[in-house]
Amino acid sequence: MRIRQYLISIIFTAISFSVFATHIVGGEIYYDFLGNNNYKITLKIYRDCFNGQAPYDNPATLFVFNSSGTLVDSVGIAYPGSVSLPVTINNPCYTAPNNVCVEEAVYQTTLNLPPLAGG
């Protein structure tokens, strides 16, 4: 019984391989009122650009609901491309590691949302 467990352990060790995770590391969504019921919607998505690359949505889909939770509209926003962000640290006591890299994609669209009772 013990020999079998050792053999299984050796086999799994021999055929093991490295696995790397990839992550969306954050995001923001906000809107600006432009007047005449128009709103500019901005969605920022941040991802790790070293450990693989979590794919960006193409298109990213936004869903608009009314105050009672009923779907009013859905809008797809095409992938706009991404840029690497510079590492900015304003603390003299801290130095960023060499393996930090974050990319940002900024999706934007303008929606006309007529007034609804309850919002």
PDB file of N, CA and C in Angstrom:
ATOM      1  N   MET A   1       0.825  -1.188   0.000  1.00  0.00           N
ATOM      2  CA  MET A   1       0.000   0.000   0.000  1.00  0.00           C
ATOM      3  C   MET A   1       0.874   1.258   0.000  1.00  0.00           C
ATOM      4  N   ARG A   2       1.899   1.304   0.830  1.00  0.00           N
ATOM      5  CA  ARG A   2       2.800   2.456   0.889  1.00  0.00           C
ATOM      6  C   ARG A   2       3.584   2.602  -0.411  1.00  0.00           C
ATOM      7  N   ILE A   3       3.988   1.513  -0.997  1.00  0.00           N
ATOM      8  CA  ILE A   3       4.741   1.566  -2.241  1.00  0.00           C
ATOM      9  C   ILE A   3       3.870   2.167  -3.338  1.00  0.00           C
ATOM     10  N   ARG A   4       2.626   1.785  -3.352  1.00  0.00           N
ATOM     11  CA  ARG A   4       1.704   2.329  -4.359  1.00  0.00           C
ATOM     12  C   ARG A   4       1.563   3.844  -4.198  1.00  0.00           C
ATOM     13  N   GLN A   5       1.446   4.332  -2.965  1.00  0.00           N
ATOM     14  CA  GLN A   5       1.338   5.772  -2.720  1.00  0.00           C
ATOM     15  C   GLN A   5       2.606   6.500  -3.169  1.00  0.00           C
ATOM     16  N   TYR A   6       3.767   5.913  -2.898  1.00  0.00           N
ATOM     17  CA  TYR A   6       5.033   6.519  -3.330  1.00  0.00           C
ATOM     18  C   TYR A   6       5.111   6.567  -4.857  1.00  0.00           C
ATOM     19  N   LEU A   7       4.707   5.493  -5.507  1.00  0.00           N
ATOM     20  CA  LEU A   7       4.746   5.465  -6.967  1.00  0.00           C
ATOM     21  C   LEU A   7       3.814   6.524  -7.575  1.00  0.00           C
ATOM     22  N   ILE A   8       2.638   6.650  -7.009  1.00  0.00           N
ATOM     23  CA  ILE A   8       1.696   7.664  -7.488  1.00  0.00           C
ATOM     24  C   ILE A   8       2.275   9.054  -7.273  1.00  0.00           C
ATOM     25  N   SER A   9       2.885   9.292  -6.134  1.00  0.00           N
ATOM     26  CA  SER A   9       3.510  10.591  -5.860  1.00  0.00           C
ATOM     27  C   SER A   9       4.629  10.877  -6.849  1.00  0.00           C
ATOM     28  N   ILE A  10       5.450   9.907  -7.138  1.00  0.00           N
ATOM     29  CA  ILE A  10       6.562  10.082  -8.069  1.00  0.00           C
ATOM     30  C   ILE A  10       6.036  10.364  -9.476  1.00  0.00           C
ATOM     31  N   ILE A  11       4.996   9.647  -9.885  1.00  0.00           N
ATOM     32  CA  ILE A  11       4.421   9.855 -11.219  1.00  0.00           C
ATOM     33  C   ILE A  11       3.865  11.271 -11.347  1.00  0.00           C
ATOM     34  N   PHE A  12       3.091  11.716 -10.341  1.00  0.00           N
ATOM     35  CA  PHE A  12       2.534  13.067 -10.406  1.00  0.00           C
ATOM     36  C   PHE A  12       3.616  14.133 -10.369  1.00  0.00           C
ATOM     37  N   THR A  13       4.672  13.900  -9.626  1.00  0.00           N
ATOM     38  CA  THR A  13       5.793  14.841  -9.591  1.00  0.00           C
ATOM     39  C   THR A  13       6.494  14.886 -10.941  1.00  0.00           C
ATOM     40  N   ALA A  14       6.666  13.743 -11.553  1.00  0.00           N
ATOM     41  CA  ALA A  14       7.374  13.674 -12.836  1.00  0.00           C
ATOM     42  C   ALA A  14       6.588  14.335 -13.965  1.00  0.00           C
ATOM     43  N   ILE A  15       5.267  14.280 -13.923  1.00  0.00           N
ATOM     44  CA  ILE A  15       4.471  14.840 -15.019  1.00  0.00           C
ATOM     45  C   ILE A  15       3.893  16.215 -14.684  1.00  0.00           C
ATOM     46  N   SER A  16       4.298  16.770 -13.564  1.00  0.00           N
ATOM     47  CA  SER A  16       3.760  18.085 -13.202  1.00  0.00           C
ATOM     48  C   SER A  16       4.328  19.156 -14.120  1.00  0.00           C
ATOM     49  N   PHE A  17       3.622  20.259 -14.191  1.00  0.00           N
ATOM     50  CA  PHE A  17       4.051  21.376 -15.021  1.00  0.00           C
ATOM     51  C   PHE A  17       3.705  22.668 -14.305  1.00  0.00           C
ATOM     52  N   SER A  18       4.297  23.743 -14.745  1.00  0.00           N
ATOM     53  CA  SER A  18       4.046  25.046 -14.128  1.00  0.00           C
ATOM     54  C   SER A  18       2.703  25.587 -14.582  1.00  0.00           C
ATOM     55  N   VAL A  19       2.022  26.236 -13.677  1.00  0.00           N
ATOM     56  CA  VAL A  19       0.741  26.850 -13.964  1.00  0.00           C
ATOM     57  C   VAL A  19       0.824  28.303 -13.525  1.00  0.00           C
ATOM     58  N   PHE A  20       0.377  29.208 -14.378  1.00  0.00           N
ATOM     59  CA  PHE A  20       0.387  30.615 -14.050  1.00  0.00           C
ATOM     60  C   PHE A  20      -1.025  31.159 -14.156  1.00  0.00           C
ATOM     61  N   ALA A  21      -1.404  31.970 -13.193  1.00  0.00           N
ATOM     62  CA  ALA A  21      -2.723  32.590 -13.223  1.00  0.00           C
ATOM     63  C   ALA A  21      -2.626  33.950 -13.886  1.00  0.00           C
ATOM     64  N   THR A  22      -3.729  34.404 -14.396  1.00  0.00           N
ATOM     65  CA  THR A  22      -3.807  35.731 -14.980  1.00  0.00           C
ATOM     66  C   THR A  22      -5.044  36.407 -14.410  1.00  0.00           C
ATOM     67  N   HIS A  23      -4.991  37.720 -14.303  1.00  0.00           N
ATOM     68  CA  HIS A  23      -6.041  38.387 -13.544  1.00  0.00           C
ATOM     69  C   HIS A  23      -6.471  39.710 -14.149  1.00  0.00           C
ATOM     70  N   ILE A  24      -7.737  39.988 -14.023  1.00  0.00           N
ATOM     71  CA  ILE A  24      -8.221  41.352 -14.131  1.00  0.00           C
ATOM     72  C   ILE A  24      -7.961  41.919 -12.739  1.00  0.00           C
ATOM     73  N   VAL A  25      -7.227  43.019 -12.651  1.00  0.00           N
ATOM     74  CA  VAL A  25      -6.812  43.510 -11.336  1.00  0.00           C
ATOM     75  C   VAL A  25      -7.672  44.657 -10.821  1.00  0.00           C
ATOM     76  N   GLY A  26      -8.639  45.081 -11.593  1.00  0.00           N
ATOM     77  CA  GLY A  26      -9.522  46.125 -11.095  1.00  0.00           C
ATOM     78  C   GLY A  26     -10.268  46.797 -12.221  1.00  0.00           C
ATOM     79  N   GLY A  27     -11.087  47.749 -11.846  1.00  0.00           N
ATOM     80  CA  GLY A  27     -11.845  48.483 -12.836  1.00  0.00           C
ATOM     81  C   GLY A  27     -12.603  49.632 -12.221  1.00  0.00           C
ATOM     82  N   GLU A  28     -13.082  50.503 -13.079  1.00  0.00           N
ATOM     83  CA  GLU A  28     -13.892  51.648 -12.667  1.00  0.00           C
ATOM     84  C   GLU A  28     -14.999  51.832 -13.692  1.00  0.00           C
ATOM     85  N   ILE A  29     -16.129  52.312 -13.235  1.00  0.00           N
ATOM     86  CA  ILE A  29     -17.188  52.720 -14.157  1.00  0.00           C
ATOM     87  C   ILE A  29     -17.782  54.009 -13.608  1.00  0.00           C
ATOM     88  N   TYR A  30     -17.964  54.964 -14.498  1.00  0.00           N
ATOM     89  CA  TYR A  30     -18.571  56.218 -14.090  1.00  0.00           C
ATOM     90  C   TYR A  30     -19.249  56.858 -15.297  1.00  0.00           C
ATOM     91  N   TYR A  31     -20.038  57.894 -15.024  1.00  0.00           N
ATOM     92  CA  TYR A  31     -20.747  58.575 -16.103  1.00  0.00           C
ATOM     93  C   TYR A  31     -20.669  60.079 -15.905  1.00  0.00           C
ATOM     94  N   ASP A  32     -20.781  60.796 -17.014  1.00  0.00           N
ATOM     95  CA  ASP A  32     -20.852  62.257 -17.015  1.00  0.00           C
ATOM     96  C   ASP A  32     -22.143  62.661 -17.707  1.00  0.00           C
ATOM     97  N   PHE A  33     -22.915  63.545 -17.070  1.00  0.00           N
ATOM     98  CA  PHE A  33     -24.140  64.058 -17.678  1.00  0.00           C
ATOM     99  C   PHE A  33     -23.757  65.135 -18.681  1.00  0.00           C
ATOM    100  N   LEU A  34     -24.148  64.961 -19.944  1.00  0.00           N
ATOM    101  CA  LEU A  34     -23.793  65.886 -21.017  1.00  0.00           C
ATOM    102  C   LEU A  34     -24.913  66.859 -21.351  1.00  0.00           C
ATOM    103  N   GLY A  35     -26.070  66.679 -20.748  1.00  0.00           N
ATOM    104  CA  GLY A  35     -27.234  67.507 -21.061  1.00  0.00           C
ATOM    105  C   GLY A  35     -28.142  66.795 -22.047  1.00  0.00           C
ATOM    106  N   ASN A  36     -29.389  67.252 -22.142  1.00  0.00           N
ATOM    107  CA  ASN A  36     -30.373  66.672 -23.073  1.00  0.00           C
ATOM    108  C   ASN A  36     -30.513  65.165 -22.919  1.00  0.00           C
ATOM    109  N   ASN A  37     -30.471  64.665 -21.700  1.00  0.00           N
ATOM    110  CA  ASN A  37     -30.621  63.236 -21.375  1.00  0.00           C
ATOM    111  C   ASN A  37     -29.479  62.372 -21.899  1.00  0.00           C
ATOM    112  N   ASN A  38     -28.364  62.970 -22.275  1.00  0.00           N
ATOM    113  CA  ASN A  38     -27.207  62.224 -22.772  1.00  0.00           C
ATOM    114  C   ASN A  38     -26.178  62.047 -21.656  1.00  0.00           C
ATOM    115  N   TYR A  39     -25.620  60.840 -21.595  1.00  0.00           N
ATOM    116  CA  TYR A  39     -24.629  60.497 -20.590  1.00  0.00           C
ATOM    117  C   TYR A  39     -23.434  59.832 -21.279  1.00  0.00           C
ATOM    118  N   LYS A  40     -22.245  60.293 -20.935  1.00  0.00           N
ATOM    119  CA  LYS A  40     -21.036  59.622 -21.418  1.00  0.00           C
ATOM    120  C   LYS A  40     -20.648  58.593 -20.355  1.00  0.00           C
ATOM    121  N   ILE A  41     -20.631  57.317 -20.738  1.00  0.00           N
ATOM    122  CA  ILE A  41     -20.297  56.215 -19.842  1.00  0.00           C
ATOM    123  C   ILE A  41     -18.847  55.823 -20.105  1.00  0.00           C
ATOM    124  N   THR A  42     -18.063  55.721 -19.040  1.00  0.00           N
ATOM    125  CA  THR A  42     -16.666  55.314 -19.149  1.00  0.00           C
ATOM    126  C   THR A  42     -16.446  54.081 -18.282  1.00  0.00           C
ATOM    127  N   LEU A  43     -15.872  53.051 -18.879  1.00  0.00           N
ATOM    128  CA  LEU A  43     -15.538  51.808 -18.186  1.00  0.00           C
ATOM    129  C   LEU A  43     -14.044  51.573 -18.367  1.00  0.00           C
ATOM    130  N   LYS A  44     -13.316  51.542 -17.249  1.00  0.00           N
ATOM    131  CA  LYS A  44     -11.867  51.276 -17.293  1.00  0.00           C
ATOM    132  C   LYS A  44     -11.621  49.899 -16.699  1.00  0.00           C
ATOM    133  N   ILE A  45     -10.875  49.080 -17.420  1.00  0.00           N
ATOM    134  CA  ILE A  45     -10.526  47.739 -16.958  1.00  0.00           C
ATOM    135  C   ILE A  45      -9.010  47.637 -16.900  1.00  0.00           C
ATOM    136  N   TYR A  46      -8.508  47.102 -15.776  1.00  0.00           N
ATOM    137  CA  TYR A  46      -7.071  46.932 -15.585  1.00  0.00           C
ATOM    138  C   TYR A  46      -6.754  45.444 -15.508  1.00  0.00           C
ATOM    139  N   ARG A  47      -5.661  45.039 -16.173  1.00  0.00           N
ATOM    140  CA  ARG A  47      -5.270  43.631 -16.120  1.00  0.00           C
ATOM    141  C   ARG A  47      -3.765  43.511 -15.928  1.00  0.00           C
ATOM    142  N   ASP A  48      -3.371  42.385 -15.385  1.00  0.00           N
ATOM    143  CA  ASP A  48      -1.966  42.030 -15.215  1.00  0.00           C
ATOM    144  C   ASP A  48      -1.412  41.704 -16.591  1.00  0.00           C
ATOM    145  N   CYS A  49      -0.279  42.302 -16.967  1.00  0.00           N
ATOM    146  CA  CYS A  49       0.244  42.038 -18.312  1.00  0.00           C
ATOM    147  C   CYS A  49       1.471  41.138 -18.300  1.00  0.00           C
ATOM    148  N   PHE A  50       1.822  40.531 -17.167  1.00  0.00           N
ATOM    149  CA  PHE A  50       2.952  39.602 -17.129  1.00  0.00           C
ATOM    150  C   PHE A  50       2.512  38.143 -17.100  1.00  0.00           C
ATOM    151  N   ASN A  51       1.631  37.794 -16.190  1.00  0.00           N
ATOM    152  CA  ASN A  51       1.253  36.395 -15.980  1.00  0.00           C
ATOM    153  C   ASN A  51       0.103  36.005 -16.889  1.00  0.00           C
ATOM    154  N   GLY A  52       0.429  35.743 -18.153  1.00  0.00           N
ATOM    155  CA  GLY A  52      -0.625  35.441 -19.111  1.00  0.00           C
ATOM    156  C   GLY A  52      -1.365  36.722 -19.376  1.00  0.00           C
ATOM    157  N   GLN A  53      -2.494  36.648 -19.952  1.00  0.00           N
ATOM    158  CA  GLN A  53      -3.290  37.856 -20.139  1.00  0.00           C
ATOM    159  C   GLN A  53      -4.758  37.488 -20.191  1.00  0.00           C
ATOM    160  N   ALA A  54      -5.477  37.925 -19.153  1.00  0.00           N
ATOM    161  CA  ALA A  54      -6.925  37.748 -19.162  1.00  0.00           C
ATOM    162  C   ALA A  54      -7.465  38.557 -20.331  1.00  0.00           C
ATOM    163  N   PRO A  55      -8.266  37.972 -21.187  1.00  0.00           N
ATOM    164  CA  PRO A  55      -8.726  38.717 -22.368  1.00  0.00           C
ATOM    165  C   PRO A  55      -9.695  39.835 -21.988  1.00  0.00           C
ATOM    166  N   TYR A  56      -9.586  40.922 -22.709  1.00  0.00           N
ATOM    167  CA  TYR A  56     -10.577  41.989 -22.570  1.00  0.00           C
ATOM    168  C   TYR A  56     -11.828  41.577 -23.331  1.00  0.00           C
ATOM    169  N   ASP A  57     -12.982  42.021 -22.849  1.00  0.00           N
ATOM    170  CA  ASP A  57     -14.227  41.742 -23.557  1.00  0.00           C
ATOM    171  C   ASP A  57     -14.271  42.551 -24.852  1.00  0.00           C
ATOM    172  N   ASN A  58     -14.730  41.907 -25.912  1.00  0.00           N
ATOM    173  CA  ASN A  58     -14.919  42.600 -27.179  1.00  0.00           C
ATOM    174  C   ASN A  58     -16.178  42.073 -27.846  1.00  0.00           C
ATOM    175  N   PRO A  59     -17.284  42.730 -27.668  1.00  0.00           N
ATOM    176  CA  PRO A  59     -17.485  44.004 -26.990  1.00  0.00           C
ATOM    177  C   PRO A  59     -17.732  43.814 -25.490  1.00  0.00           C
ATOM    178  N   ALA A  60     -17.508  44.905 -24.735  1.00  0.00           N
ATOM    179  CA  ALA A  60     -17.945  44.940 -23.334  1.00  0.00           C
ATOM    180  C   ALA A  60     -19.417  45.328 -23.368  1.00  0.00           C
ATOM    181  N   THR A  61     -20.224  44.642 -22.606  1.00  0.00           N
ATOM    182  CA  THR A  61     -21.662  44.905 -22.645  1.00  0.00           C
ATOM    183  C   THR A  61     -22.108  45.589 -21.363  1.00  0.00           C
ATOM    184  N   LEU A  62     -22.789  46.719 -21.521  1.00  0.00           N
ATOM    185  CA  LEU A  62     -23.378  47.439 -20.397  1.00  0.00           C
ATOM    186  C   LEU A  62     -24.880  47.208 -20.409  1.00  0.00           C
ATOM    187  N   PHE A  63     -25.434  47.010 -19.244  1.00  0.00           N
ATOM    188  CA  PHE A  63     -26.873  46.806 -19.110  1.00  0.00           C
ATOM    189  C   PHE A  63     -27.447  47.960 -18.301  1.00  0.00           C
ATOM    190  N   VAL A  64     -28.563  48.515 -18.751  1.00  0.00           N
ATOM    191  CA  VAL A  64     -29.223  49.626 -18.077  1.00  0.00           C
ATOM    192  C   VAL A  64     -30.551  49.111 -17.535  1.00  0.00           C
ATOM    193  N   PHE A  65     -30.761  49.325 -16.232  1.00  0.00           N
ATOM    194  CA  PHE A  65     -31.974  48.884 -15.566  1.00  0.00           C
ATOM    195  C   PHE A  65     -32.708  50.089 -14.996  1.00  0.00           C
ATOM    196  N   ASN A  66     -34.034  49.970 -14.855  1.00  0.00           N
ATOM    197  CA  ASN A  66     -34.781  51.037 -14.196  1.00  0.00           C
ATOM    198  C   ASN A  66     -34.809  50.766 -12.691  1.00  0.00           C
ATOM    199  N   SER A  67     -35.483  51.632 -11.950  1.00  0.00           N
ATOM    200  CA  SER A  67     -35.476  51.522 -10.489  1.00  0.00           C
ATOM    201  C   SER A  67     -36.154  50.253  -9.972  1.00  0.00           C
ATOM    202  N   SER A  68     -36.985  49.612 -10.778  1.00  0.00           N
ATOM    203  CA  SER A  68     -37.619  48.368 -10.334  1.00  0.00           C
ATOM    204  C   SER A  68     -36.833  47.131 -10.762  1.00  0.00           C
ATOM    205  N   GLY A  69     -35.690  47.335 -11.387  1.00  0.00           N
ATOM    206  CA  GLY A  69     -34.835  46.205 -11.766  1.00  0.00           C
ATOM    207  C   GLY A  69     -35.139  45.618 -13.132  1.00  0.00           C
ATOM    208  N   THR A  70     -35.949  46.282 -13.921  1.00  0.00           N
ATOM    209  CA  THR A  70     -36.274  45.813 -15.266  1.00  0.00           C
ATOM    210  C   THR A  70     -35.227  46.319 -16.255  1.00  0.00           C
ATOM    211  N   LEU A  71     -34.783  45.421 -17.127  1.00  0.00           N
ATOM    212  CA  LEU A  71     -33.802  45.797 -18.140  1.00  0.00           C
ATOM    213  C   LEU A  71     -34.416  46.796 -19.110  1.00  0.00           C
ATOM    214  N   VAL A  72     -33.747  47.947 -19.278  1.00  0.00           N
ATOM    215  CA  VAL A  72     -34.210  48.990 -20.181  1.00  0.00           C
ATOM    216  C   VAL A  72     -33.448  48.931 -21.500  1.00  0.00           C
ATOM    217  N   ASP A  73     -32.144  48.669 -21.435  1.00  0.00           N
ATOM    218  CA  ASP A  73     -31.316  48.703 -22.630  1.00  0.00           C
ATOM    219  C   ASP A  73     -30.028  47.931 -22.374  1.00  0.00           C
ATOM    220  N   SER A  74     -29.406  47.462 -23.429  1.00  0.00           N
ATOM    221  CA  SER A  74     -28.056  46.898 -23.335  1.00  0.00           C
ATOM    222  C   SER A  74     -27.254  47.442 -24.505  1.00  0.00           C
ATOM    223  N   VAL A  75     -25.991  47.735 -24.230  1.00  0.00           N
ATOM    224  CA  VAL A  75     -25.133  48.373 -25.227  1.00  0.00           C
ATOM    225  C   VAL A  75     -23.795  47.661 -25.251  1.00  0.00           C
ATOM    226  N   GLY A  76     -23.345  47.274 -26.443  1.00  0.00           N
ATOM    227  CA  GLY A  76     -22.018  46.691 -26.600  1.00  0.00           C
ATOM    228  C   GLY A  76     -21.032  47.776 -26.998  1.00  0.00           C
ATOM    229  N   ILE A  77     -19.861  47.797 -26.347  1.00  0.00           N
ATOM    230  CA  ILE A  77     -18.822  48.782 -26.654  1.00  0.00           C
ATOM    231  C   ILE A  77     -17.612  48.022 -27.164  1.00  0.00           C
ATOM    232  N   ALA A  78     -17.162  48.347 -28.361  1.00  0.00           N
ATOM    233  CA  ALA A  78     -16.024  47.653 -28.974  1.00  0.00           C
ATOM    234  C   ALA A  78     -14.756  47.859 -28.153  1.00  0.00           C
ATOM    235  N   TYR A  79     -13.899  46.858 -28.172  1.00  0.00           N
ATOM    236  CA  TYR A  79     -12.611  46.921 -27.474  1.00  0.00           C
ATOM    237  C   TYR A  79     -11.762  48.041 -28.082  1.00  0.00           C
ATOM    238  N   PRO A  80     -11.327  49.017 -27.268  1.00  0.00           N
ATOM    239  CA  PRO A  80     -10.620  50.173 -27.804  1.00  0.00           C
ATOM    240  C   PRO A  80      -9.103  50.010 -27.881  1.00  0.00           C
ATOM    241  N   GLY A  81      -8.589  48.884 -27.453  1.00  0.00           N
ATOM    242  CA  GLY A  81      -7.143  48.718 -27.328  1.00  0.00           C
ATOM    243  C   GLY A  81      -6.734  48.999 -25.892  1.00  0.00           C
ATOM    244  N   SER A  82      -5.484  48.730 -25.571  1.00  0.00           N
ATOM    245  CA  SER A  82      -5.018  48.948 -24.212  1.00  0.00           C
ATOM    246  C   SER A  82      -3.623  49.556 -24.224  1.00  0.00           C
ATOM    247  N   VAL A  83      -3.245  50.122 -23.092  1.00  0.00           N
ATOM    248  CA  VAL A  83      -1.919  50.709 -22.925  1.00  0.00           C
ATOM    249  C   VAL A  83      -1.335  50.217 -21.602  1.00  0.00           C
ATOM    250  N   SER A  84      -0.016  50.106 -21.545  1.00  0.00           N
ATOM    251  CA  SER A  84       0.662  49.780 -20.286  1.00  0.00           C
ATOM    252  C   SER A  84       0.766  51.047 -19.454  1.00  0.00           C
ATOM    253  N   LEU A  85       0.453  50.909 -18.182  1.00  0.00           N
ATOM    254  CA  LEU A  85       0.526  52.060 -17.285  1.00  0.00           C
ATOM    255  C   LEU A  85       1.894  52.133 -16.634  1.00  0.00           C
ATOM    256  N   PRO A  86       2.435  53.331 -16.480  1.00  0.00           N
ATOM    257  CA  PRO A  86       3.725  53.453 -15.800  1.00  0.00           C
ATOM    258  C   PRO A  86       3.561  53.183 -14.299  1.00  0.00           C
ATOM    259  N   VAL A  87       4.606  52.649 -13.692  1.00  0.00           N
ATOM    260  CA  VAL A  87       4.587  52.419 -12.240  1.00  0.00           C
ATOM    261  C   VAL A  87       4.919  53.750 -11.583  1.00  0.00           C
ATOM    262  N   THR A  88       3.982  54.248 -10.793  1.00  0.00           N
ATOM    263  CA  THR A  88       4.180  55.520 -10.100  1.00  0.00           C
ATOM    264  C   THR A  88       4.036  55.285  -8.606  1.00  0.00           C
ATOM    265  N   ILE A  89       5.127  55.502  -7.883  1.00  0.00           N
ATOM    266  CA  ILE A  89       5.109  55.338  -6.430  1.00  0.00           C
ATOM    267  C   ILE A  89       5.638  56.625  -5.818  1.00  0.00           C
ATOM    268  N   ASN A  90       4.857  57.216  -4.940  1.00  0.00           N
ATOM    269  CA  ASN A  90       5.227  58.483  -4.323  1.00  0.00           C
ATOM    270  C   ASN A  90       5.719  58.312  -2.893  1.00  0.00           C
ATOM    271  N   ASN A  91       6.241  57.145  -2.584  1.00  0.00           N
ATOM    272  CA  ASN A  91       6.726  56.870  -1.234  1.00  0.00           C
ATOM    273  C   ASN A  91       8.221  56.563  -1.316  1.00  0.00           C
ATOM    274  N   PRO A  92       9.082  57.389  -0.731  1.00  0.00           N
ATOM    275  CA  PRO A  92      10.526  57.153  -0.831  1.00  0.00           C
ATOM    276  C   PRO A  92      10.994  55.896  -0.087  1.00  0.00           C
ATOM    277  N   CYS A  93      10.137  55.343   0.743  1.00  0.00           N
ATOM    278  CA  CYS A  93      10.514  54.152   1.512  1.00  0.00           C
ATOM    279  C   CYS A  93      10.143  52.854   0.805  1.00  0.00           C
ATOM    280  N   TYR A  94       9.562  52.962  -0.381  1.00  0.00           N
ATOM    281  CA  TYR A  94       9.089  51.769  -1.082  1.00  0.00           C
ATOM    282  C   TYR A  94       9.600  51.777  -2.515  1.00  0.00           C
ATOM    283  N   THR A  95      10.082  50.645  -2.963  1.00  0.00           N
ATOM    284  CA  THR A  95      10.509  50.474  -4.347  1.00  0.00           C
ATOM    285  C   THR A  95       9.650  49.389  -4.974  1.00  0.00           C
ATOM    286  N   ALA A  96       9.114  49.673  -6.134  1.00  0.00           N
ATOM    287  CA  ALA A  96       8.246  48.693  -6.803  1.00  0.00           C
ATOM    288  C   ALA A  96       9.064  47.502  -7.279  1.00  0.00           C
ATOM    289  N   PRO A  97       8.505  46.298  -7.188  1.00  0.00           N
ATOM    290  CA  PRO A  97       9.182  45.119  -7.734  1.00  0.00           C
ATOM    291  C   PRO A  97       9.307  45.237  -9.254  1.00  0.00           C
ATOM    292  N   ASN A  98      10.259  44.527  -9.819  1.00  0.00           N
ATOM    293  CA  ASN A  98      10.483  44.575 -11.267  1.00  0.00           C
ATOM    294  C   ASN A  98       9.390  43.888 -12.072  1.00  0.00           C
ATOM    295  N   ASN A  99       8.640  42.996 -11.462  1.00  0.00           N
ATOM    296  CA  ASN A  99       7.672  42.194 -12.209  1.00  0.00           C
ATOM    297  C   ASN A  99       6.239  42.715 -12.072  1.00  0.00           C
ATOM    298  N   VAL A 100       6.078  44.029 -11.961  1.00  0.00           N
ATOM    299  CA  VAL A 100       4.747  44.621 -11.885  1.00  0.00           C
ATOM    300  C   VAL A 100       4.444  45.305 -13.213  1.00  0.00           C
ATOM    301  N   CYS A 101       3.340  44.916 -13.807  1.00  0.00           N
ATOM    302  CA  CYS A 101       2.925  45.524 -15.071  1.00  0.00           C
ATOM    303  C   CYS A 101       1.400  45.476 -15.130  1.00  0.00           C
ATOM    304  N   VAL A 102       0.800  46.616 -15.401  1.00  0.00           N
ATOM    305  CA  VAL A 102      -0.659  46.703 -15.493  1.00  0.00           C
ATOM    306  C   VAL A 102      -1.024  47.393 -16.798  1.00  0.00           C
ATOM    307  N   GLU A 103      -1.993  46.829 -17.502  1.00  0.00           N
ATOM    308  CA  GLU A 103      -2.535  47.428 -18.716  1.00  0.00           C
ATOM    309  C   GLU A 103      -3.923  47.978 -18.422  1.00  0.00           C
ATOM    310  N   GLU A 104      -4.288  49.015 -19.160  1.00  0.00           N
ATOM    311  CA  GLU A 104      -5.592  49.651 -18.991  1.00  0.00           C
ATOM    312  C   GLU A 104      -6.297  49.731 -20.348  1.00  0.00           C
ATOM    313  N   ALA A 105      -7.564  49.360 -20.363  1.00  0.00           N
ATOM    314  CA  ALA A 105      -8.426  49.563 -21.530  1.00  0.00           C
ATOM    315  C   ALA A 105      -9.545  50.495 -21.089  1.00  0.00           C
ATOM    316  N   VAL A 106      -9.823  51.522 -21.889  1.00  0.00           N
ATOM    317  CA  VAL A 106     -10.856  52.500 -21.549  1.00  0.00           C
ATOM    318  C   VAL A 106     -11.961  52.425 -22.600  1.00  0.00           C
ATOM    319  N   TYR A 107     -13.087  51.849 -22.204  1.00  0.00           N
ATOM    320  CA  TYR A 107     -14.262  51.759 -23.074  1.00  0.00           C
ATOM    321  C   TYR A 107     -15.125  53.000 -22.817  1.00  0.00           C
ATOM    322  N   GLN A 108     -15.636  53.616 -23.888  1.00  0.00           N
ATOM    323  CA  GLN A 108     -16.514  54.768 -23.717  1.00  0.00           C
ATOM    324  C   GLN A 108     -17.645  54.725 -24.734  1.00  0.00           C
ATOM    325  N   THR A 109     -18.787  55.218 -24.290  1.00  0.00           N
ATOM    326  CA  THR A 109     -19.930  55.367 -25.183  1.00  0.00           C
ATOM    327  C   THR A 109     -20.826  56.466 -24.638  1.00  0.00           C
ATOM    328  N   THR A 110     -21.700  56.975 -25.470  1.00  0.00           N
ATOM    329  CA  THR A 110     -22.685  57.965 -25.046  1.00  0.00           C
ATOM    330  C   THR A 110     -24.068  57.347 -25.193  1.00  0.00           C
ATOM    331  N   LEU A 111     -24.860  57.455 -24.128  1.00  0.00           N
ATOM    332  CA  LEU A 111     -26.223  56.913 -24.123  1.00  0.00           C
ATOM    333  C   LEU A 111     -27.218  58.038 -23.908  1.00  0.00           C
ATOM    334  N   ASN A 112     -28.345  57.938 -24.579  1.00  0.00           N
ATOM    335  CA  ASN A 112     -29.462  58.849 -24.328  1.00  0.00           C
ATOM    336  C   ASN A 112     -30.442  58.089 -23.458  1.00  0.00           C
ATOM    337  N   LEU A 113     -30.624  58.563 -22.242  1.00  0.00           N
ATOM    338  CA  LEU A 113     -31.504  57.911 -21.271  1.00  0.00           C
ATOM    339  C   LEU A 113     -32.623  58.871 -20.886  1.00  0.00           C
ATOM    340  N   PRO A 114     -33.771  58.735 -21.525  1.00  0.00           N
ATOM    341  CA  PRO A 114     -34.879  59.636 -21.194  1.00  0.00           C
ATOM    342  C   PRO A 114     -35.318  59.441 -19.740  1.00  0.00           C
ATOM    343  N   PRO A 115     -35.860  60.493 -19.145  1.00  0.00           N
ATOM    344  CA  PRO A 115     -36.301  60.395 -17.743  1.00  0.00           C
ATOM    345  C   PRO A 115     -37.369  59.312 -17.565  1.00  0.00           C
ATOM    346  N   LEU A 116     -37.240  58.581 -16.466  1.00  0.00           N
ATOM    347  CA  LEU A 116     -38.218  57.555 -16.101  1.00  0.00           C
ATOM    348  C   LEU A 116     -38.673  57.810 -14.681  1.00  0.00           C
ATOM    349  N   ALA A 117     -39.917  57.503 -14.373  1.00  0.00           N
ATOM    350  CA  ALA A 117     -40.383  57.616 -13.001  1.00  0.00           C
ATOM    351  C   ALA A 117     -39.560  56.685 -12.124  1.00  0.00           C
ATOM    352  N   GLY A 118     -38.992  57.192 -11.058  1.00  0.00           N
ATOM    353  CA  GLY A 118     -38.177  56.371 -10.150  1.00  0.00           C
ATOM    354  C   GLY A 118     -36.712  56.311 -10.552  1.00  0.00           C
ATOM    355  N   GLY A 119     -36.400  56.709 -11.750  1.00  0.00           N
ATOM    356  CA  GLY A 119     -34.996  56.711 -12.213  1.00  0.00           C
ATOM    357  C   GLY A 119     -34.653  55.502 -13.027  1.00  0.00           C
TER     358      GLY A 119
END
